[in-house]
Amino acid sequence: MKKYILAFFLFGVLGLHAESFNFARLDNTNGLSNNQIKCIFKDSRGFMWFGTNYGLNRYDGYRVKIYKSVKNDTTSLNSNSINDIQEDYNGNLWIGNNNGYCIYNILNENFNRNLSPLLSEFGIHFKPSIVEIDNQKNFYFYEANHGLFEYDIKNKKLIRFIIQSKNFKSTISSIKAQNDFIWILFTNGLIERFNKN
């Protein structure tokens, strides 16, 4: 009798906590522009974005829309090899690729390749090799000859970080800002955590 009660109890508990997951395969046979995905991002509207070696893909759960670089079209991507996707305070996407960055305008559904006017508003007068946008939508810009900067979007303030590190002689290959820290990955393979305060 105890065995039946235990079996019934386990069946009931497992039945209450069982979840159903549906998996679907998404590749170039059903919509993606390329199977080699370099980055994935979910935007604030619920779209899934896939950066591939041959174009940017937006997935709405049913269909894939593909964006590619088009010769002589300055409102298209500036490169088809997509390395990075991030969302700014306006909901626009910053797309990192082999030619730097361009911005996808969600209202016009086109790309802005000329970032100089916007960067100038932030006080940045160089072409950053790395752009990072944190959870509060603050910007971080890095370029080897100019250093690392943060643009505080709420206070409209630009801060330059002086990093006293022997590793700073090596080029930064990636940045991740989280809370009061900036995680810095150098090309020599070392990682440092920089306290902004």
N, C-alpha and C. Protein backbone atom coordinates (compact mmCIF):
# COMPACT_ATOMS: atom_id res chain seq x y z
N MET A 1 0.82 -1.20 0.00
CA MET A 1 0.00 0.00 0.00
C MET A 1 0.86 1.26 0.00
N LYS A 2 1.97 1.22 0.79
CA LYS A 2 2.86 2.38 0.87
C LYS A 2 3.47 2.67 -0.49
N LYS A 3 3.78 1.61 -1.26
CA LYS A 3 4.38 1.79 -2.58
C LYS A 3 3.42 2.53 -3.51
N TYR A 4 2.13 2.17 -3.43
CA TYR A 4 1.14 2.81 -4.28
C TYR A 4 0.94 4.28 -3.92
N ILE A 5 0.94 4.55 -2.63
CA ILE A 5 0.81 5.94 -2.17
C ILE A 5 2.01 6.76 -2.62
N LEU A 6 3.22 6.21 -2.47
CA LEU A 6 4.44 6.91 -2.89
C LEU A 6 4.44 7.13 -4.40
N ALA A 7 4.05 6.12 -5.16
CA ALA A 7 3.99 6.25 -6.63
C ALA A 7 2.98 7.31 -7.03
N PHE A 8 1.79 7.30 -6.38
CA PHE A 8 0.76 8.28 -6.68
C PHE A 8 1.25 9.70 -6.34
N PHE A 9 1.92 9.83 -5.19
CA PHE A 9 2.46 11.13 -4.76
C PHE A 9 3.50 11.64 -5.76
N LEU A 10 4.45 10.79 -6.15
CA LEU A 10 5.48 11.18 -7.11
C LEU A 10 4.87 11.56 -8.46
N PHE A 11 3.91 10.78 -8.89
CA PHE A 11 3.25 11.08 -10.16
C PHE A 11 2.55 12.44 -10.10
N GLY A 12 1.89 12.70 -8.97
CA GLY A 12 1.20 13.98 -8.80
C GLY A 12 2.15 15.16 -8.76
N VAL A 13 3.27 15.02 -8.04
CA VAL A 13 4.25 16.11 -7.94
C VAL A 13 4.91 16.36 -9.28
N LEU A 14 5.33 15.29 -9.93
CA LEU A 14 5.97 15.44 -11.24
C LEU A 14 5.00 16.00 -12.27
N GLY A 15 3.75 15.59 -12.17
CA GLY A 15 2.74 16.09 -13.11
C GLY A 15 2.50 17.58 -12.94
N LEU A 16 2.56 18.07 -11.70
CA LEU A 16 2.34 19.49 -11.45
C LEU A 16 3.48 20.35 -11.97
N HIS A 17 4.71 19.83 -11.94
CA HIS A 17 5.87 20.62 -12.33
C HIS A 17 6.36 20.35 -13.75
N ALA A 18 5.67 19.49 -14.45
CA ALA A 18 6.10 19.18 -15.82
C ALA A 18 5.80 20.37 -16.73
N GLU A 19 6.76 20.71 -17.54
CA GLU A 19 6.60 21.80 -18.50
C GLU A 19 6.81 21.23 -19.89
N SER A 20 6.13 21.83 -20.81
CA SER A 20 6.24 21.39 -22.19
C SER A 20 7.06 22.42 -22.97
N PHE A 21 8.07 21.96 -23.66
CA PHE A 21 8.91 22.84 -24.47
C PHE A 21 8.81 22.40 -25.92
N ASN A 22 8.63 23.36 -26.79
CA ASN A 22 8.61 23.07 -28.21
C ASN A 22 9.90 23.59 -28.83
N PHE A 23 10.56 22.76 -29.58
CA PHE A 23 11.79 23.15 -30.25
C PHE A 23 11.54 23.19 -31.75
N ALA A 24 12.14 24.17 -32.39
CA ALA A 24 12.06 24.26 -33.85
C ALA A 24 13.46 24.53 -34.37
N ARG A 25 13.72 24.02 -35.54
CA ARG A 25 15.02 24.22 -36.16
C ARG A 25 14.90 25.39 -37.13
N LEU A 26 15.87 26.28 -37.05
CA LEU A 26 15.89 27.44 -37.93
C LEU A 26 17.24 27.47 -38.61
N ASP A 27 17.26 27.33 -39.93
CA ASP A 27 18.51 27.38 -40.67
C ASP A 27 18.26 27.96 -42.06
N ASN A 28 19.24 27.84 -42.95
CA ASN A 28 19.08 28.48 -44.25
C ASN A 28 18.07 27.78 -45.16
N THR A 29 17.63 26.59 -44.80
CA THR A 29 16.60 25.93 -45.60
C THR A 29 15.20 26.46 -45.28
N ASN A 30 15.05 27.13 -44.14
CA ASN A 30 13.74 27.71 -43.82
C ASN A 30 13.84 29.18 -43.41
N GLY A 31 14.75 29.89 -44.08
CA GLY A 31 14.71 31.34 -43.94
C GLY A 31 15.98 32.08 -43.61
N LEU A 32 16.88 31.51 -42.82
CA LEU A 32 18.10 32.24 -42.46
C LEU A 32 18.98 32.49 -43.68
N SER A 33 19.68 33.61 -43.67
CA SER A 33 20.56 33.93 -44.79
C SER A 33 21.83 33.09 -44.79
N ASN A 34 22.22 32.57 -43.62
CA ASN A 34 23.45 31.79 -43.51
C ASN A 34 23.38 30.96 -42.22
N ASN A 35 23.95 29.78 -42.23
CA ASN A 35 23.92 28.92 -41.04
C ASN A 35 24.98 29.27 -40.01
N GLN A 36 25.97 30.06 -40.38
CA GLN A 36 27.00 30.42 -39.41
C GLN A 36 26.57 31.68 -38.66
N ILE A 37 25.99 31.47 -37.48
CA ILE A 37 25.48 32.56 -36.66
C ILE A 37 26.58 33.04 -35.73
N LYS A 38 26.85 34.35 -35.77
CA LYS A 38 27.93 34.94 -34.96
C LYS A 38 27.40 35.63 -33.71
N CYS A 39 26.12 36.04 -33.71
CA CYS A 39 25.54 36.67 -32.52
C CYS A 39 24.02 36.55 -32.58
N ILE A 40 23.41 36.57 -31.39
CA ILE A 40 21.96 36.47 -31.25
C ILE A 40 21.51 37.55 -30.27
N PHE A 41 20.40 38.22 -30.58
CA PHE A 41 19.90 39.27 -29.70
C PHE A 41 18.37 39.29 -29.74
N LYS A 42 17.74 39.43 -28.57
CA LYS A 42 16.29 39.62 -28.49
C LYS A 42 16.03 41.07 -28.13
N ASP A 43 15.29 41.78 -28.99
CA ASP A 43 15.06 43.21 -28.73
C ASP A 43 13.86 43.42 -27.81
N SER A 44 13.59 44.68 -27.48
CA SER A 44 12.53 45.01 -26.53
C SER A 44 11.14 44.77 -27.09
N ARG A 45 11.01 44.57 -28.41
CA ARG A 45 9.72 44.29 -29.04
C ARG A 45 9.46 42.79 -29.20
N GLY A 46 10.45 41.98 -28.82
CA GLY A 46 10.28 40.53 -28.88
C GLY A 46 10.86 39.87 -30.11
N PHE A 47 11.41 40.65 -31.05
CA PHE A 47 12.05 40.05 -32.22
C PHE A 47 13.37 39.40 -31.84
N MET A 48 13.66 38.29 -32.47
CA MET A 48 14.97 37.64 -32.35
C MET A 48 15.79 38.05 -33.56
N TRP A 49 17.03 38.50 -33.31
CA TRP A 49 17.94 38.94 -34.37
C TRP A 49 19.13 37.99 -34.39
N PHE A 50 19.50 37.56 -35.59
CA PHE A 50 20.63 36.67 -35.78
C PHE A 50 21.63 37.34 -36.73
N GLY A 51 22.82 37.58 -36.22
CA GLY A 51 23.89 38.10 -37.06
C GLY A 51 24.68 36.94 -37.63
N THR A 52 24.79 36.89 -38.94
CA THR A 52 25.46 35.76 -39.58
C THR A 52 26.65 36.26 -40.40
N ASN A 53 27.32 35.33 -41.04
CA ASN A 53 28.42 35.68 -41.94
C ASN A 53 27.92 36.30 -43.24
N TYR A 54 26.61 36.18 -43.49
CA TYR A 54 26.07 36.72 -44.72
C TYR A 54 24.70 37.35 -44.47
N GLY A 55 24.68 38.38 -43.63
CA GLY A 55 23.47 39.16 -43.44
C GLY A 55 22.93 39.13 -42.02
N LEU A 56 21.99 40.05 -41.80
CA LEU A 56 21.28 40.20 -40.53
C LEU A 56 19.88 39.64 -40.72
N ASN A 57 19.42 38.84 -39.75
CA ASN A 57 18.13 38.17 -39.85
C ASN A 57 17.24 38.55 -38.67
N ARG A 58 15.98 38.93 -38.97
CA ARG A 58 15.00 39.22 -37.92
C ARG A 58 13.93 38.14 -37.95
N TYR A 59 13.72 37.51 -36.80
CA TYR A 59 12.75 36.41 -36.71
C TYR A 59 11.62 36.82 -35.77
N ASP A 60 10.37 36.71 -36.25
CA ASP A 60 9.22 37.10 -35.44
C ASP A 60 8.49 35.91 -34.83
N GLY A 61 9.06 34.72 -34.95
CA GLY A 61 8.43 33.51 -34.45
C GLY A 61 7.78 32.70 -35.56
N TYR A 62 7.60 33.34 -36.72
CA TYR A 62 7.00 32.67 -37.86
C TYR A 62 7.86 32.77 -39.11
N ARG A 63 8.35 33.98 -39.37
CA ARG A 63 9.10 34.24 -40.60
C ARG A 63 10.41 34.95 -40.30
N VAL A 64 11.33 34.83 -41.24
CA VAL A 64 12.62 35.50 -41.15
C VAL A 64 12.67 36.61 -42.20
N LYS A 65 13.07 37.80 -41.78
CA LYS A 65 13.31 38.90 -42.71
C LYS A 65 14.82 39.11 -42.75
N ILE A 66 15.37 39.18 -43.96
CA ILE A 66 16.82 39.26 -44.14
C ILE A 66 17.22 40.67 -44.58
N TYR A 67 18.27 41.18 -43.95
CA TYR A 67 18.85 42.47 -44.32
C TYR A 67 20.28 42.22 -44.78
N LYS A 68 20.63 42.80 -45.94
CA LYS A 68 21.97 42.62 -46.47
C LYS A 68 22.52 43.96 -46.97
N SER A 69 23.81 43.98 -47.16
CA SER A 69 24.46 45.15 -47.75
C SER A 69 24.15 45.16 -49.25
N VAL A 70 23.70 46.32 -49.73
CA VAL A 70 23.37 46.48 -51.14
C VAL A 70 24.29 47.55 -51.71
N LYS A 71 24.96 47.22 -52.79
CA LYS A 71 25.90 48.15 -53.42
C LYS A 71 25.17 49.43 -53.83
N ASN A 72 25.78 50.57 -53.52
CA ASN A 72 25.26 51.91 -53.84
C ASN A 72 23.98 52.27 -53.08
N ASP A 73 23.60 51.50 -52.06
CA ASP A 73 22.45 51.85 -51.23
C ASP A 73 22.96 52.19 -49.83
N THR A 74 23.02 53.48 -49.54
CA THR A 74 23.58 53.94 -48.26
C THR A 74 22.63 53.70 -47.08
N THR A 75 21.40 53.22 -47.36
CA THR A 75 20.48 52.91 -46.26
C THR A 75 20.45 51.42 -45.94
N SER A 76 21.37 50.66 -46.55
CA SER A 76 21.47 49.24 -46.26
C SER A 76 22.65 49.01 -45.32
N LEU A 77 22.83 47.77 -44.89
CA LEU A 77 23.99 47.42 -44.05
C LEU A 77 25.28 47.81 -44.75
N ASN A 78 26.31 48.16 -43.97
CA ASN A 78 27.60 48.50 -44.56
C ASN A 78 28.51 47.28 -44.70
N SER A 79 28.07 46.12 -44.20
CA SER A 79 28.81 44.86 -44.35
C SER A 79 27.85 43.71 -44.04
N ASN A 80 28.05 42.58 -44.67
CA ASN A 80 27.17 41.43 -44.43
C ASN A 80 27.63 40.53 -43.30
N SER A 81 28.85 40.70 -42.82
CA SER A 81 29.35 39.87 -41.73
C SER A 81 29.05 40.56 -40.40
N ILE A 82 28.05 40.08 -39.68
CA ILE A 82 27.54 40.75 -38.47
C ILE A 82 28.15 40.11 -37.23
N ASN A 83 28.82 40.94 -36.41
CA ASN A 83 29.51 40.46 -35.21
C ASN A 83 28.79 40.80 -33.90
N ASP A 84 27.94 41.84 -33.91
CA ASP A 84 27.39 42.35 -32.66
C ASP A 84 26.06 43.03 -32.92
N ILE A 85 25.10 42.85 -31.99
CA ILE A 85 23.80 43.50 -32.05
C ILE A 85 23.47 43.99 -30.65
N GLN A 86 23.14 45.30 -30.52
CA GLN A 86 22.76 45.87 -29.23
C GLN A 86 21.65 46.88 -29.44
N GLU A 87 20.89 47.16 -28.39
CA GLU A 87 19.76 48.08 -28.49
C GLU A 87 20.01 49.32 -27.65
N ASP A 88 19.75 50.50 -28.22
CA ASP A 88 19.97 51.74 -27.49
C ASP A 88 18.68 52.22 -26.81
N TYR A 89 18.72 53.40 -26.20
CA TYR A 89 17.62 53.95 -25.43
C TYR A 89 16.39 54.26 -26.29
N ASN A 90 16.55 54.42 -27.61
CA ASN A 90 15.42 54.66 -28.51
C ASN A 90 14.86 53.38 -29.11
N GLY A 91 15.46 52.25 -28.79
CA GLY A 91 15.03 50.99 -29.37
C GLY A 91 15.69 50.68 -30.70
N ASN A 92 16.60 51.57 -31.14
CA ASN A 92 17.34 51.32 -32.37
C ASN A 92 18.46 50.33 -32.09
N LEU A 93 18.85 49.59 -33.11
CA LEU A 93 19.88 48.57 -32.96
C LEU A 93 21.21 49.04 -33.50
N TRP A 94 22.26 48.85 -32.71
CA TRP A 94 23.62 49.13 -33.13
C TRP A 94 24.19 47.81 -33.65
N ILE A 95 24.51 47.80 -34.91
CA ILE A 95 24.97 46.58 -35.58
C ILE A 95 26.47 46.69 -35.82
N GLY A 96 27.24 45.81 -35.19
CA GLY A 96 28.68 45.77 -35.37
C GLY A 96 29.05 44.78 -36.45
N ASN A 97 29.93 45.22 -37.35
CA ASN A 97 30.34 44.34 -38.45
C ASN A 97 31.79 44.63 -38.82
N ASN A 98 32.24 44.07 -39.90
CA ASN A 98 33.65 44.23 -40.31
C ASN A 98 34.02 45.66 -40.67
N ASN A 99 33.04 46.50 -40.96
CA ASN A 99 33.30 47.90 -41.31
C ASN A 99 32.97 48.86 -40.18
N GLY A 100 32.86 48.37 -38.98
CA GLY A 100 32.53 49.23 -37.84
C GLY A 100 31.11 49.01 -37.38
N TYR A 101 30.36 50.11 -37.22
CA TYR A 101 28.99 50.03 -36.73
C TYR A 101 28.07 50.82 -37.65
N CYS A 102 26.82 50.37 -37.70
CA CYS A 102 25.74 51.15 -38.30
C CYS A 102 24.54 50.99 -37.38
N ILE A 103 23.55 51.85 -37.54
CA ILE A 103 22.38 51.84 -36.67
C ILE A 103 21.14 51.50 -37.49
N TYR A 104 20.40 50.50 -37.01
CA TYR A 104 19.13 50.15 -37.63
C TYR A 104 18.03 50.98 -36.98
N ASN A 105 17.37 51.82 -37.78
CA ASN A 105 16.29 52.66 -37.30
C ASN A 105 14.99 51.87 -37.34
N ILE A 106 14.37 51.65 -36.17
CA ILE A 106 13.18 50.80 -36.11
C ILE A 106 11.97 51.44 -36.78
N LEU A 107 11.90 52.77 -36.84
CA LEU A 107 10.75 53.42 -37.44
C LEU A 107 10.82 53.37 -38.97
N ASN A 108 12.00 53.67 -39.52
CA ASN A 108 12.17 53.69 -40.98
C ASN A 108 12.56 52.34 -41.55
N GLU A 109 12.97 51.41 -40.69
CA GLU A 109 13.47 50.10 -41.10
C GLU A 109 14.60 50.22 -42.13
N ASN A 110 15.53 51.13 -41.83
CA ASN A 110 16.73 51.23 -42.66
C ASN A 110 17.94 51.46 -41.76
N PHE A 111 19.11 51.56 -42.39
CA PHE A 111 20.36 51.63 -41.65
C PHE A 111 21.04 52.98 -41.86
N ASN A 112 21.60 53.50 -40.78
CA ASN A 112 22.37 54.74 -40.83
C ASN A 112 23.85 54.37 -40.72
N ARG A 113 24.58 54.63 -41.79
CA ARG A 113 26.01 54.30 -41.80
C ARG A 113 26.86 55.44 -41.26
N ASN A 114 26.35 56.67 -41.33
CA ASN A 114 27.13 57.84 -40.90
C ASN A 114 26.81 58.15 -39.43
N LEU A 115 27.64 57.65 -38.54
CA LEU A 115 27.40 57.83 -37.11
C LEU A 115 28.05 59.09 -36.54
N SER A 116 28.85 59.78 -37.33
CA SER A 116 29.59 60.95 -36.82
C SER A 116 28.70 61.99 -36.16
N PRO A 117 27.56 62.40 -36.76
CA PRO A 117 26.72 63.41 -36.08
C PRO A 117 26.24 62.96 -34.70
N LEU A 118 25.79 61.71 -34.58
CA LEU A 118 25.32 61.20 -33.30
C LEU A 118 26.46 61.08 -32.30
N LEU A 119 27.59 60.55 -32.74
CA LEU A 119 28.74 60.43 -31.85
C LEU A 119 29.21 61.80 -31.37
N SER A 120 29.16 62.80 -32.26
CA SER A 120 29.55 64.16 -31.87
C SER A 120 28.65 64.71 -30.77
N GLU A 121 27.35 64.38 -30.82
CA GLU A 121 26.43 64.79 -29.75
C GLU A 121 26.85 64.20 -28.41
N PHE A 122 27.45 63.01 -28.44
CA PHE A 122 27.93 62.36 -27.23
C PHE A 122 29.31 62.86 -26.82
N GLY A 123 29.96 63.68 -27.67
CA GLY A 123 31.31 64.15 -27.38
C GLY A 123 32.39 63.22 -27.90
N ILE A 124 32.02 62.26 -28.73
CA ILE A 124 32.97 61.31 -29.30
C ILE A 124 33.33 61.78 -30.71
N HIS A 125 34.61 62.06 -30.92
CA HIS A 125 35.06 62.58 -32.22
C HIS A 125 36.04 61.62 -32.88
N PHE A 126 35.75 60.34 -32.74
CA PHE A 126 36.53 59.31 -33.40
C PHE A 126 35.60 58.15 -33.75
N LYS A 127 36.07 57.26 -34.59
CA LYS A 127 35.29 56.09 -34.97
C LYS A 127 35.63 54.95 -34.01
N PRO A 128 34.71 54.59 -33.10
CA PRO A 128 35.03 53.56 -32.11
C PRO A 128 35.14 52.18 -32.75
N SER A 129 36.09 51.41 -32.27
CA SER A 129 36.21 50.02 -32.73
C SER A 129 35.31 49.10 -31.92
N ILE A 130 34.93 49.54 -30.70
CA ILE A 130 34.01 48.78 -29.86
C ILE A 130 32.96 49.72 -29.29
N VAL A 131 31.70 49.31 -29.36
CA VAL A 131 30.59 50.01 -28.71
C VAL A 131 29.90 49.00 -27.80
N GLU A 132 29.69 49.39 -26.56
CA GLU A 132 28.97 48.56 -25.59
C GLU A 132 27.82 49.39 -25.02
N ILE A 133 26.64 48.78 -24.91
CA ILE A 133 25.48 49.45 -24.31
C ILE A 133 25.05 48.61 -23.12
N ASP A 134 25.06 49.22 -21.93
CA ASP A 134 24.72 48.45 -20.72
C ASP A 134 23.21 48.41 -20.49
N ASN A 135 22.79 47.81 -19.38
CA ASN A 135 21.36 47.63 -19.09
C ASN A 135 20.63 48.95 -18.86
N GLN A 136 21.35 49.99 -18.43
CA GLN A 136 20.75 51.31 -18.23
C GLN A 136 20.81 52.15 -19.51
N LYS A 137 21.28 51.55 -20.59
CA LYS A 137 21.40 52.16 -21.92
C LYS A 137 22.50 53.20 -22.00
N ASN A 138 23.47 53.16 -21.06
CA ASN A 138 24.67 53.99 -21.18
C ASN A 138 25.57 53.38 -22.25
N PHE A 139 26.34 54.24 -22.91
CA PHE A 139 27.24 53.81 -23.98
C PHE A 139 28.67 53.74 -23.47
N TYR A 140 29.43 52.81 -24.02
CA TYR A 140 30.87 52.72 -23.79
C TYR A 140 31.52 52.65 -25.17
N PHE A 141 32.50 53.53 -25.38
CA PHE A 141 33.18 53.61 -26.66
C PHE A 141 34.67 53.38 -26.45
N TYR A 142 35.24 52.55 -27.30
CA TYR A 142 36.68 52.30 -27.21
C TYR A 142 37.31 52.38 -28.60
N GLU A 143 38.48 52.99 -28.62
CA GLU A 143 39.34 52.98 -29.80
C GLU A 143 40.76 53.05 -29.27
N ALA A 144 41.66 52.26 -29.84
CA ALA A 144 43.00 52.07 -29.26
C ALA A 144 43.75 53.37 -29.04
N ASN A 145 43.67 54.32 -29.95
CA ASN A 145 44.42 55.57 -29.82
C ASN A 145 43.75 56.61 -28.94
N HIS A 146 42.47 56.41 -28.60
CA HIS A 146 41.74 57.40 -27.81
C HIS A 146 41.38 56.92 -26.41
N GLY A 147 41.27 55.61 -26.23
CA GLY A 147 40.96 55.08 -24.91
C GLY A 147 39.51 54.67 -24.77
N LEU A 148 39.07 54.58 -23.51
CA LEU A 148 37.75 54.08 -23.17
C LEU A 148 36.91 55.20 -22.56
N PHE A 149 35.69 55.37 -23.08
CA PHE A 149 34.78 56.42 -22.63
C PHE A 149 33.41 55.84 -22.31
N GLU A 150 32.75 56.47 -21.35
CA GLU A 150 31.35 56.14 -21.05
C GLU A 150 30.52 57.38 -21.29
N TYR A 151 29.38 57.21 -21.98
CA TYR A 151 28.42 58.29 -22.10
C TYR A 151 27.20 57.93 -21.26
N ASP A 152 26.99 58.70 -20.18
CA ASP A 152 25.85 58.50 -19.28
C ASP A 152 24.62 59.11 -19.94
N ILE A 153 23.72 58.27 -20.40
CA ILE A 153 22.58 58.73 -21.20
C ILE A 153 21.61 59.57 -20.39
N LYS A 154 21.45 59.27 -19.09
CA LYS A 154 20.51 60.01 -18.24
C LYS A 154 21.02 61.41 -17.94
N ASN A 155 22.30 61.52 -17.58
CA ASN A 155 22.87 62.82 -17.21
C ASN A 155 23.55 63.53 -18.36
N LYS A 156 23.58 62.89 -19.54
CA LYS A 156 24.21 63.44 -20.74
C LYS A 156 25.65 63.89 -20.44
N LYS A 157 26.42 62.96 -19.88
CA LYS A 157 27.77 63.27 -19.42
C LYS A 157 28.74 62.24 -19.99
N LEU A 158 29.87 62.73 -20.50
CA LEU A 158 30.91 61.87 -21.04
C LEU A 158 32.03 61.73 -20.02
N ILE A 159 32.43 60.49 -19.76
CA ILE A 159 33.49 60.20 -18.79
C ILE A 159 34.59 59.42 -19.50
N ARG A 160 35.82 59.85 -19.31
CA ARG A 160 36.95 59.10 -19.86
C ARG A 160 37.59 58.31 -18.72
N PHE A 161 37.85 57.03 -18.97
CA PHE A 161 38.46 56.19 -17.97
C PHE A 161 39.96 56.09 -18.22
N ILE A 162 40.71 56.32 -17.17
CA ILE A 162 42.16 56.12 -17.21
C ILE A 162 42.42 54.76 -16.58
N ILE A 163 42.81 53.83 -17.41
CA ILE A 163 43.03 52.47 -16.92
C ILE A 163 44.52 52.27 -16.71
N GLN A 164 44.91 52.12 -15.45
CA GLN A 164 46.32 51.91 -15.09
C GLN A 164 46.58 50.41 -15.06
N SER A 165 46.93 49.87 -16.20
CA SER A 165 47.13 48.43 -16.28
C SER A 165 48.24 48.12 -17.25
N LYS A 166 49.06 47.16 -16.90
CA LYS A 166 50.10 46.72 -17.83
C LYS A 166 49.47 46.05 -19.04
N ASN A 167 48.26 45.49 -18.87
CA ASN A 167 47.57 44.85 -19.98
C ASN A 167 46.99 45.85 -20.96
N PHE A 168 46.84 47.12 -20.53
CA PHE A 168 46.23 48.12 -21.40
C PHE A 168 47.11 48.40 -22.61
N LYS A 169 48.39 47.98 -22.54
CA LYS A 169 49.27 48.11 -23.70
C LYS A 169 48.82 47.14 -24.80
N SER A 170 48.12 46.08 -24.42
CA SER A 170 47.52 45.17 -25.38
C SER A 170 46.17 45.76 -25.80
N THR A 171 45.76 45.50 -27.01
CA THR A 171 44.51 46.05 -27.52
C THR A 171 43.32 45.36 -26.88
N ILE A 172 42.29 46.13 -26.60
CA ILE A 172 41.05 45.58 -26.08
C ILE A 172 40.27 44.95 -27.24
N SER A 173 39.78 43.73 -27.02
CA SER A 173 39.00 43.08 -28.08
C SER A 173 37.52 43.02 -27.75
N SER A 174 37.16 43.18 -26.46
CA SER A 174 35.75 43.14 -26.08
C SER A 174 35.54 43.82 -24.74
N ILE A 175 34.35 44.40 -24.56
CA ILE A 175 33.99 45.09 -23.32
C ILE A 175 32.59 44.64 -22.92
N LYS A 176 32.39 44.44 -21.63
CA LYS A 176 31.05 44.16 -21.10
C LYS A 176 30.88 44.96 -19.83
N ALA A 177 29.92 45.89 -19.82
CA ALA A 177 29.66 46.72 -18.65
C ALA A 177 28.49 46.15 -17.87
N GLN A 178 28.69 46.01 -16.55
CA GLN A 178 27.65 45.46 -15.69
C GLN A 178 27.76 46.08 -14.31
N ASN A 179 26.68 46.69 -13.87
CA ASN A 179 26.63 47.39 -12.59
C ASN A 179 27.75 48.44 -12.54
N ASP A 180 28.63 48.39 -11.53
CA ASP A 180 29.71 49.38 -11.42
C ASP A 180 31.02 48.87 -12.02
N PHE A 181 30.97 47.82 -12.79
CA PHE A 181 32.19 47.22 -13.31
C PHE A 181 32.18 47.16 -14.83
N ILE A 182 33.38 47.24 -15.39
CA ILE A 182 33.57 47.01 -16.81
C ILE A 182 34.52 45.83 -16.93
N TRP A 183 34.08 44.80 -17.62
CA TRP A 183 34.91 43.64 -17.88
C TRP A 183 35.60 43.88 -19.21
N ILE A 184 36.91 43.75 -19.21
CA ILE A 184 37.71 44.05 -20.39
C ILE A 184 38.47 42.80 -20.81
N LEU A 185 38.28 42.40 -22.06
CA LEU A 185 39.01 41.27 -22.62
C LEU A 185 40.06 41.84 -23.58
N PHE A 186 41.32 41.47 -23.35
CA PHE A 186 42.42 41.93 -24.19
C PHE A 186 42.75 40.89 -25.25
N THR A 187 43.39 41.35 -26.32
CA THR A 187 43.75 40.43 -27.41
C THR A 187 44.78 39.40 -26.97
N ASN A 188 45.51 39.68 -25.88
CA ASN A 188 46.47 38.68 -25.40
C ASN A 188 45.80 37.60 -24.54
N GLY A 189 44.46 37.67 -24.41
CA GLY A 189 43.71 36.64 -23.71
C GLY A 189 43.39 36.94 -22.26
N LEU A 190 43.94 38.00 -21.69
CA LEU A 190 43.69 38.34 -20.30
C LEU A 190 42.37 39.09 -20.14
N ILE A 191 41.74 38.89 -18.99
CA ILE A 191 40.50 39.58 -18.65
C ILE A 191 40.73 40.38 -17.40
N GLU A 192 40.26 41.64 -17.40
CA GLU A 192 40.32 42.48 -16.21
C GLU A 192 38.95 43.01 -15.87
N ARG A 193 38.70 43.18 -14.57
CA ARG A 193 37.48 43.81 -14.11
C ARG A 193 37.86 45.20 -13.61
N PHE A 194 37.30 46.21 -14.24
CA PHE A 194 37.61 47.59 -13.91
C PHE A 194 36.46 48.19 -13.12
N ASN A 195 36.76 48.72 -11.92
CA ASN A 195 35.76 49.35 -11.09
C ASN A 195 35.60 50.80 -11.52
N LYS A 196 34.40 51.16 -12.01
CA LYS A 196 34.17 52.52 -12.51
C LYS A 196 34.29 53.58 -11.41
N ASN A 197 34.04 53.17 -10.18
CA ASN A 197 34.07 54.15 -9.10
C ASN A 197 35.48 54.42 -8.59
